[in-house]
C-alpha atoms as a PDB file:
ATOM      1  CA  MET A   1      -9.879  13.614 -19.143  1.00  0.00           C
ATOM      2  CA  SER A   2      -9.802  10.706 -21.534  1.00  0.00           C
ATOM      3  CA  PHE A   3     -12.861   9.083 -23.017  1.00  0.00           C
ATOM      4  CA  TRP A   4     -12.334   5.880 -21.012  1.00  0.00           C
ATOM      5  CA  ASN A   5     -12.168   7.725 -17.676  1.00  0.00           C
ATOM      6  CA  ARG A   6     -15.623   9.160 -18.349  1.00  0.00           C
ATOM      7  CA  ILE A   7     -17.172   5.710 -18.198  1.00  0.00           C
ATOM      8  CA  PRO A   8     -17.759   5.057 -14.465  1.00  0.00           C
ATOM      9  CA  VAL A   9     -17.061   1.316 -14.494  1.00  0.00           C
ATOM     10  CA  ILE A  10     -13.780   1.662 -16.385  1.00  0.00           C
ATOM     11  CA  SER A  11     -12.722   4.549 -14.172  1.00  0.00           C
ATOM     12  CA  ARG A  12     -13.448   2.506 -11.039  1.00  0.00           C
ATOM     13  CA  VAL A  13     -11.481  -0.484 -12.365  1.00  0.00           C
ATOM     14  CA  ALA A  14      -8.554   1.786 -13.228  1.00  0.00           C
ATOM     15  CA  GLN A  15      -8.537   3.253  -9.708  1.00  0.00           C
ATOM     16  CA  ARG A  16      -8.628  -0.197  -8.124  1.00  0.00           C
ATOM     17  CA  SER A  17      -5.842  -1.506 -10.336  1.00  0.00           C
ATOM     18  CA  ARG A  18      -3.744   1.521  -9.369  1.00  0.00           C
ATOM     19  CA  ALA A  19      -4.373   0.778  -5.674  1.00  0.00           C
ATOM     20  CA  PHE A  20      -3.484  -2.888  -6.248  1.00  0.00           C
ATOM     21  CA  ARG A  21      -0.175  -1.811  -7.848  1.00  0.00           C
ATOM     22  CA  HIS A  22       0.594   0.346  -4.792  1.00  0.00           C
ATOM     23  CA  ILE A  23      -0.179  -2.561  -2.453  1.00  0.00           C
ATOM     24  CA  MET A  24       2.035  -4.991  -4.359  1.00  0.00           C
ATOM     25  CA  ARG A  25       4.856  -2.456  -4.597  1.00  0.00           C
ATOM     26  CA  ALA A  26       4.678  -1.822  -0.833  1.00  0.00           C
ATOM     27  CA  LEU A  27       4.890  -5.549  -0.121  1.00  0.00           C
ATOM     28  CA  LYS A  28       7.830  -5.989  -2.515  1.00  0.00           C
ATOM     29  CA  LEU A  29       9.796  -3.003  -1.174  1.00  0.00           C
ATOM     30  CA  PHE A  30       9.226  -3.289   2.562  1.00  0.00           C
ATOM     31  CA  LEU A  31      11.567  -6.226   3.282  1.00  0.00           C
ATOM     32  CA  PRO A  32      14.467  -4.886   1.167  1.00  0.00           C
ATOM     33  CA  MET A  33      13.966  -1.506   2.886  1.00  0.00           C
ATOM     34  CA  LEU A  34      14.204  -3.244   6.283  1.00  0.00           C
ATOM     35  CA  GLN A  35      17.463  -4.875   5.241  1.00  0.00           C
ATOM     36  CA  ASP A  36      18.885  -1.554   4.014  1.00  0.00           C
ATOM     37  CA  VAL A  37      17.819   0.264   7.190  1.00  0.00           C
ATOM     38  CA  PHE A  38      19.164  -2.385   9.594  1.00  0.00           C
ATOM     39  CA  SER A  39      22.441  -2.712   7.694  1.00  0.00           C
ATOM     40  CA  GLY A  40      22.874   1.081   7.786  1.00  0.00           C
ATOM     41  CA  ARG A  41      22.831   1.554   4.010  1.00  0.00           C
ATOM     42  CA  TYR A  42      19.666   3.656   3.991  1.00  0.00           C
ATOM     43  CA  ARG A  43      19.028   6.693   6.162  1.00  0.00           C
ATOM     44  CA  PRO A  44      16.772   8.405   7.238  1.00  0.00           C
ATOM     45  CA  VAL A  45      14.611   5.671   8.690  1.00  0.00           C
ATOM     46  CA  PRO A  46      11.067   5.840   7.220  1.00  0.00           C
ATOM     47  CA  TRP A  47       9.276   5.542  10.562  1.00  0.00           C
ATOM     48  CA  SER A  48       5.872   6.156   9.006  1.00  0.00           C
ATOM     49  CA  ALA A  49       6.296   3.039   6.829  1.00  0.00           C
ATOM     50  CA  PHE A  50       7.063   1.014   9.959  1.00  0.00           C
ATOM     51  CA  VAL A  51       3.984   2.383  11.704  1.00  0.00           C
ATOM     52  CA  TRP A  52       1.636   1.743   8.762  1.00  0.00           C
ATOM     53  CA  MET A  53       2.978  -1.809   8.308  1.00  0.00           C
ATOM     54  CA  ALA A  54       2.650  -2.502  12.046  1.00  0.00           C
ATOM     55  CA  LEU A  55      -0.946  -1.289  11.954  1.00  0.00           C
ATOM     56  CA  ALA A  56      -1.707  -3.513   8.948  1.00  0.00           C
ATOM     57  CA  LEU A  57      -0.214  -6.574  10.643  1.00  0.00           C
ATOM     58  CA  ALA A  58      -1.932  -5.772  13.937  1.00  0.00           C
ATOM     59  CA  TYR A  59      -5.288  -5.438  12.198  1.00  0.00           C
ATOM     60  CA  LEU A  60      -4.812  -8.780  10.451  1.00  0.00           C
ATOM     61  CA  ILE A  61      -3.946 -10.723  13.591  1.00  0.00           C
ATOM     62  CA  SER A  62      -6.210  -8.850  15.987  1.00  0.00           C
ATOM     63  CA  PRO A  63      -9.479 -10.524  16.979  1.00  0.00           C
ATOM     64  CA  LEU A  64     -11.116  -7.073  16.915  1.00  0.00           C
ATOM     65  CA  ASP A  65     -12.543  -6.087  13.527  1.00  0.00           C
ATOM     66  CA  LEU A  66     -14.917  -3.492  12.177  1.00  0.00           C
ATOM     67  CA  ILE A  67     -17.006  -6.387  10.877  1.00  0.00           C
ATOM     68  CA  PRO A  68     -16.425  -9.697  12.714  1.00  0.00           C
ATOM     69  CA  ASP A  69     -14.937 -12.503  10.633  1.00  0.00           C
ATOM     70  CA  VAL A  70     -17.811 -14.717  11.795  1.00  0.00           C
ATOM     71  CA  ILE A  71     -19.951 -12.927   9.187  1.00  0.00           C
ATOM     72  CA  LEU A  72     -18.209 -14.870   6.452  1.00  0.00           C
ATOM     73  CA  LEU A  73     -17.923 -12.759   3.336  1.00  0.00           C
ATOM     74  CA  PHE A  74     -18.307  -9.285   4.847  1.00  0.00           C
ATOM     75  CA  GLY A  75     -15.895 -10.039   7.690  1.00  0.00           C
ATOM     76  CA  LEU A  76     -13.128 -10.881   5.244  1.00  0.00           C
ATOM     77  CA  VAL A  77     -13.925  -8.042   2.863  1.00  0.00           C
ATOM     78  CA  ASP A  78     -13.400  -5.399   5.559  1.00  0.00           C
ATOM     79  CA  ASP A  79      -9.993  -6.953   6.324  1.00  0.00           C
ATOM     80  CA  VAL A  80      -9.024  -6.746   2.668  1.00  0.00           C
ATOM     81  CA  PHE A  81     -10.095  -3.114   2.334  1.00  0.00           C
ATOM     82  CA  ILE A  82      -8.546  -1.868   5.563  1.00  0.00           C
ATOM     83  CA  VAL A  83      -5.259  -3.733   5.182  1.00  0.00           C
ATOM     84  CA  GLY A  84      -5.143  -2.715   1.514  1.00  0.00           C
ATOM     85  CA  TRP A  85      -5.594   0.937   2.450  1.00  0.00           C
ATOM     86  CA  LEU A  86      -2.884   0.657   5.107  1.00  0.00           C
ATOM     87  CA  LEU A  87      -0.515  -0.899   2.565  1.00  0.00           C
ATOM     88  CA  THR A  88      -1.129   1.977   0.146  1.00  0.00           C
ATOM     89  CA  ARG A  89      -0.016   4.240   3.023  1.00  0.00           C
ATOM     90  CA  VAL A  90       3.129   2.088   3.386  1.00  0.00           C
ATOM     91  CA  ASP A  91       3.768   2.550  -0.332  1.00  0.00           C
ATOM     92  CA  ALA A  92       3.364   6.326  -0.058  1.00  0.00           C
ATOM     93  CA  SER A  93       5.790   6.343   2.890  1.00  0.00           C
ATOM     94  CA  LEU A  94       8.397   4.536   0.809  1.00  0.00           C
ATOM     95  CA  ALA A  95       8.580   7.223  -1.924  1.00  0.00           C
ATOM     96  CA  ASP A  96      11.982   8.491  -0.731  1.00  0.00           C
ATOM     97  CA  TYR A  97      13.293   4.933  -0.522  1.00  0.00           C
ATOM     98  CA  ARG A  98      12.119   4.232  -4.097  1.00  0.00           C
ATOM     99  CA  ALA A  99      13.954   7.363  -5.254  1.00  0.00           C
ATOM    100  CA  TRP A 100      17.086   6.281  -3.363  1.00  0.00           C
ATOM    101  CA  LYS A 101      16.920   2.839  -5.036  1.00  0.00           C
ATOM    102  CA  GLY A 102      16.323   4.446  -8.431  1.00  0.00           C
ATOM    103  CA  ILE A 103      12.853   2.961  -8.813  1.00  0.00           C
ATOM    104  CA  TRP A 104      10.724   5.500 -10.650  1.00  0.00           C
ATOM    105  CA  ASP A 105       6.966   5.454 -10.854  1.00  0.00           C
ATOM    106  CA  ALA A 106       5.345   6.230 -14.218  1.00  0.00           C
ATOM    107  CA  GLU A 107       2.361   7.779 -12.382  1.00  0.00           C
ATOM    108  CA  GLU A 108       4.622  10.244 -10.558  1.00  0.00           C
ATOM    109  CA  ASP A 109       6.380  11.185 -13.793  1.00  0.00           C
ATOM    110  CA  SER A 110       3.098  11.799 -15.607  1.00  0.00           C
ATOM    111  CA  GLY A 111       1.717  13.845 -12.697  1.00  0.00           C
ATOM    112  CA  SER A 112      -1.430  11.741 -12.103  1.00  0.00           C
END
């Protein structure tokens, strides 16, 4: 464990930035994956990625929330956390697709 990971604040920021990278990567890869699946270039179909993305979209547009959006700040924060977590699941489901496209993750290579 490195010196910087022993400091709780820095460790927490590093974890959140890693999650943010996964979220952004999922958003960037999902539409190209859809095109490859529907055109028949990529098989097998990553059904779990479809399910996780559908859940994320459903949660965003659904009027039902863990914390109602009427409670201004907290209502939006729960949306961000839950949809963010669902998008990290999308990213994990796209690991085989990333390998097929030749997109390698430095975190996977380093074993962290």
